[in-house]
Amino acid sequence: MLLAGYPAAVEAAARQLAPDRVVRQLEATADAFFRWHDVCPPLPVGEQKPLAVHRARLALVEATGTVLANGLRLLGISAPDHL
């Protein structure tokens, strides 16, 4: 839901001249991502074989990274290469 809400948050922030809306959206997205990441590892663990769920999780990781990097760029902040 947070990833899908990003475009609307950016639009609202631009319309209202309120960059803090983008900041709050990015904070919520990053917080949710790290909580999810701890529970649902995107890569197989140990001897586990890669499954479709891992590919889906990696797609979610990529989408989250794109949203966070784009949001930081909009705010004039350079994003780190990795976390």
N, C-alpha and C. Protein backbone atom coordinates (compact mmCIF):
# COMPACT_ATOMS: atom_id res chain seq x y z
N MET A 1 0.81 -1.19 0.00
CA MET A 1 0.00 0.00 0.00
C MET A 1 0.86 1.26 0.00
N LEU A 2 1.95 1.27 0.75
CA LEU A 2 2.81 2.44 0.80
C LEU A 2 3.48 2.71 -0.54
N LEU A 3 3.93 1.66 -1.20
CA LEU A 3 4.56 1.86 -2.51
C LEU A 3 3.54 2.40 -3.50
N ALA A 4 2.36 1.88 -3.48
CA ALA A 4 1.32 2.33 -4.40
C ALA A 4 0.88 3.76 -4.10
N GLY A 5 1.00 4.18 -2.86
CA GLY A 5 0.59 5.52 -2.48
C GLY A 5 1.64 6.59 -2.73
N TYR A 6 2.83 6.18 -3.14
CA TYR A 6 3.91 7.14 -3.35
C TYR A 6 3.58 8.20 -4.40
N PRO A 7 3.09 7.85 -5.59
CA PRO A 7 2.78 8.89 -6.58
C PRO A 7 1.77 9.92 -6.06
N ALA A 8 0.76 9.48 -5.35
CA ALA A 8 -0.23 10.41 -4.82
C ALA A 8 0.39 11.32 -3.75
N ALA A 9 1.29 10.77 -2.95
CA ALA A 9 1.96 11.58 -1.93
C ALA A 9 2.82 12.65 -2.57
N VAL A 10 3.52 12.30 -3.64
CA VAL A 10 4.35 13.27 -4.35
C VAL A 10 3.47 14.34 -5.00
N GLU A 11 2.39 13.93 -5.60
CA GLU A 11 1.48 14.88 -6.23
C GLU A 11 0.90 15.85 -5.19
N ALA A 12 0.46 15.31 -4.07
CA ALA A 12 -0.10 16.15 -3.01
C ALA A 12 0.95 17.11 -2.46
N ALA A 13 2.17 16.61 -2.29
CA ALA A 13 3.26 17.45 -1.79
C ALA A 13 3.55 18.60 -2.75
N ALA A 14 3.52 18.33 -4.04
CA ALA A 14 3.77 19.37 -5.04
C ALA A 14 2.63 20.38 -5.07
N ARG A 15 1.43 19.87 -5.01
CA ARG A 15 0.25 20.74 -5.06
C ARG A 15 0.19 21.67 -3.85
N GLN A 16 0.57 21.15 -2.69
CA GLN A 16 0.48 21.91 -1.45
C GLN A 16 1.80 22.57 -1.05
N LEU A 17 2.82 22.40 -1.91
CA LEU A 17 4.15 22.92 -1.59
C LEU A 17 4.58 22.45 -0.20
N ALA A 18 4.46 21.14 0.02
CA ALA A 18 4.73 20.54 1.33
C ALA A 18 5.65 19.34 1.17
N PRO A 19 6.96 19.56 1.03
CA PRO A 19 7.89 18.44 0.86
C PRO A 19 7.90 17.48 2.05
N ASP A 20 7.43 17.94 3.20
CA ASP A 20 7.38 17.06 4.36
C ASP A 20 6.48 15.86 4.12
N ARG A 21 5.51 15.99 3.22
CA ARG A 21 4.64 14.85 2.89
C ARG A 21 5.44 13.73 2.24
N VAL A 22 6.38 14.11 1.38
CA VAL A 22 7.25 13.11 0.75
C VAL A 22 8.14 12.48 1.81
N VAL A 23 8.68 13.28 2.70
CA VAL A 23 9.54 12.77 3.76
C VAL A 23 8.79 11.75 4.61
N ARG A 24 7.57 12.08 5.02
CA ARG A 24 6.79 11.14 5.84
C ARG A 24 6.48 9.85 5.08
N GLN A 25 6.19 9.97 3.79
CA GLN A 25 5.92 8.79 2.97
C GLN A 25 7.16 7.89 2.89
N LEU A 26 8.32 8.51 2.68
CA LEU A 26 9.56 7.74 2.59
C LEU A 26 9.91 7.09 3.92
N GLU A 27 9.71 7.81 5.01
CA GLU A 27 9.98 7.23 6.33
C GLU A 27 9.09 6.03 6.60
N ALA A 28 7.82 6.16 6.29
CA ALA A 28 6.89 5.04 6.49
C ALA A 28 7.24 3.86 5.60
N THR A 29 7.63 4.14 4.37
CA THR A 29 8.00 3.08 3.43
C THR A 29 9.25 2.34 3.92
N ALA A 30 10.27 3.09 4.33
CA ALA A 30 11.51 2.47 4.81
C ALA A 30 11.25 1.66 6.08
N ASP A 31 10.46 2.21 6.99
CA ASP A 31 10.15 1.50 8.24
C ASP A 31 9.42 0.19 7.95
N ALA A 32 8.42 0.25 7.09
CA ALA A 32 7.67 -0.97 6.74
C ALA A 32 8.56 -1.98 6.04
N PHE A 33 9.44 -1.49 5.17
CA PHE A 33 10.33 -2.40 4.45
C PHE A 33 11.24 -3.15 5.42
N PHE A 34 11.86 -2.43 6.35
CA PHE A 34 12.79 -3.10 7.25
C PHE A 34 12.09 -4.06 8.20
N ARG A 35 10.87 -3.74 8.62
CA ARG A 35 10.10 -4.70 9.44
C ARG A 35 9.77 -5.94 8.62
N TRP A 36 9.37 -5.75 7.36
CA TRP A 36 9.04 -6.88 6.49
C TRP A 36 10.28 -7.71 6.20
N HIS A 37 11.38 -7.05 5.91
CA HIS A 37 12.63 -7.73 5.55
C HIS A 37 13.10 -8.66 6.65
N ASP A 38 12.90 -8.29 7.90
CA ASP A 38 13.31 -9.13 9.02
C ASP A 38 12.48 -10.41 9.11
N VAL A 39 11.24 -10.35 8.67
CA VAL A 39 10.33 -11.50 8.77
C VAL A 39 10.33 -12.35 7.50
N CYS A 40 10.50 -11.72 6.35
CA CYS A 40 10.40 -12.41 5.06
C CYS A 40 11.69 -12.19 4.26
N PRO A 41 12.72 -12.97 4.52
CA PRO A 41 13.98 -12.77 3.81
C PRO A 41 13.79 -12.96 2.30
N PRO A 42 14.30 -12.02 1.50
CA PRO A 42 14.12 -12.12 0.06
C PRO A 42 15.00 -13.17 -0.60
N LEU A 43 16.03 -13.61 0.07
CA LEU A 43 16.92 -14.63 -0.47
C LEU A 43 16.76 -15.93 0.30
N PRO A 44 16.98 -17.05 -0.36
CA PRO A 44 16.90 -18.33 0.34
C PRO A 44 17.89 -18.38 1.51
N VAL A 45 17.52 -19.09 2.55
CA VAL A 45 18.36 -19.21 3.73
C VAL A 45 18.99 -20.59 3.75
N GLY A 46 20.29 -20.63 4.02
CA GLY A 46 21.00 -21.91 4.12
C GLY A 46 20.94 -22.71 2.84
N GLU A 47 20.50 -23.93 2.94
CA GLU A 47 20.44 -24.84 1.79
C GLU A 47 19.11 -24.75 1.03
N GLN A 48 18.26 -23.83 1.43
CA GLN A 48 16.97 -23.68 0.77
C GLN A 48 17.17 -23.30 -0.69
N LYS A 49 16.37 -23.91 -1.55
CA LYS A 49 16.44 -23.59 -2.98
C LYS A 49 15.62 -22.32 -3.26
N PRO A 50 16.05 -21.53 -4.24
CA PRO A 50 15.26 -20.35 -4.61
C PRO A 50 13.89 -20.76 -5.12
N LEU A 51 12.88 -20.08 -4.65
CA LEU A 51 11.50 -20.36 -5.03
C LEU A 51 10.88 -19.13 -5.66
N ALA A 52 9.69 -19.29 -6.21
CA ALA A 52 8.98 -18.16 -6.80
C ALA A 52 8.77 -17.04 -5.78
N VAL A 53 8.56 -17.41 -4.53
CA VAL A 53 8.36 -16.40 -3.49
C VAL A 53 9.60 -15.52 -3.35
N HIS A 54 10.78 -16.09 -3.54
CA HIS A 54 12.01 -15.30 -3.45
C HIS A 54 12.10 -14.31 -4.61
N ARG A 55 11.68 -14.73 -5.79
CA ARG A 55 11.68 -13.81 -6.93
C ARG A 55 10.70 -12.67 -6.69
N ALA A 56 9.54 -12.99 -6.13
CA ALA A 56 8.55 -11.96 -5.83
C ALA A 56 9.09 -11.00 -4.77
N ARG A 57 9.74 -11.53 -3.77
CA ARG A 57 10.30 -10.69 -2.72
C ARG A 57 11.41 -9.80 -3.27
N LEU A 58 12.22 -10.33 -4.17
CA LEU A 58 13.27 -9.50 -4.77
C LEU A 58 12.67 -8.38 -5.61
N ALA A 59 11.56 -8.65 -6.27
CA ALA A 59 10.88 -7.60 -7.03
C ALA A 59 10.38 -6.50 -6.09
N LEU A 60 9.90 -6.90 -4.92
CA LEU A 60 9.45 -5.93 -3.93
C LEU A 60 10.63 -5.11 -3.39
N VAL A 61 11.75 -5.76 -3.19
CA VAL A 61 12.96 -5.06 -2.76
C VAL A 61 13.35 -4.02 -3.81
N GLU A 62 13.34 -4.41 -5.06
CA GLU A 62 13.72 -3.49 -6.14
C GLU A 62 12.74 -2.31 -6.22
N ALA A 63 11.46 -2.59 -6.11
CA ALA A 63 10.46 -1.52 -6.17
C ALA A 63 10.63 -0.55 -5.00
N THR A 64 10.89 -1.09 -3.83
CA THR A 64 11.10 -0.24 -2.66
C THR A 64 12.33 0.64 -2.84
N GLY A 65 13.40 0.05 -3.34
CA GLY A 65 14.61 0.82 -3.59
C GLY A 65 14.39 1.93 -4.60
N THR A 66 13.62 1.65 -5.62
CA THR A 66 13.32 2.66 -6.63
C THR A 66 12.52 3.82 -6.03
N VAL A 67 11.50 3.50 -5.25
CA VAL A 67 10.68 4.54 -4.62
C VAL A 67 11.53 5.38 -3.67
N LEU A 68 12.32 4.73 -2.83
CA LEU A 68 13.14 5.48 -1.87
C LEU A 68 14.17 6.37 -2.59
N ALA A 69 14.83 5.82 -3.60
CA ALA A 69 15.84 6.59 -4.33
C ALA A 69 15.20 7.77 -5.05
N ASN A 70 14.05 7.55 -5.69
CA ASN A 70 13.37 8.64 -6.40
C ASN A 70 12.90 9.72 -5.42
N GLY A 71 12.37 9.29 -4.29
CA GLY A 71 11.91 10.25 -3.30
C GLY A 71 13.05 11.09 -2.75
N LEU A 72 14.16 10.44 -2.44
CA LEU A 72 15.32 11.19 -1.95
C LEU A 72 15.82 12.16 -3.01
N ARG A 73 15.83 11.71 -4.26
CA ARG A 73 16.27 12.57 -5.36
C ARG A 73 15.38 13.80 -5.47
N LEU A 74 14.06 13.60 -5.34
CA LEU A 74 13.13 14.73 -5.38
C LEU A 74 13.43 15.75 -4.28
N LEU A 75 13.91 15.24 -3.15
CA LEU A 75 14.21 16.11 -2.01
C LEU A 75 15.62 16.69 -2.09
N GLY A 76 16.37 16.31 -3.13
CA GLY A 76 17.73 16.82 -3.30
C GLY A 76 18.75 16.10 -2.45
N ILE A 77 18.44 14.87 -2.07
CA ILE A 77 19.33 14.06 -1.24
C ILE A 77 19.83 12.89 -2.08
N SER A 78 21.14 12.65 -2.07
CA SER A 78 21.66 11.52 -2.83
C SER A 78 21.42 10.23 -2.04
N ALA A 79 20.97 9.22 -2.74
CA ALA A 79 20.68 7.93 -2.11
C ALA A 79 21.94 7.09 -2.04
N PRO A 80 22.09 6.31 -0.96
CA PRO A 80 23.24 5.41 -0.89
C PRO A 80 23.10 4.29 -1.93
N ASP A 81 24.22 3.72 -2.34
CA ASP A 81 24.19 2.62 -3.30
C ASP A 81 23.53 1.38 -2.73
N HIS A 82 23.73 1.15 -1.44
CA HIS A 82 23.11 0.00 -0.78
C HIS A 82 22.97 0.29 0.71
N LEU A 83 22.10 -0.48 1.36
CA LEU A 83 21.89 -0.33 2.80
C LEU A 83 22.48 -1.50 3.52
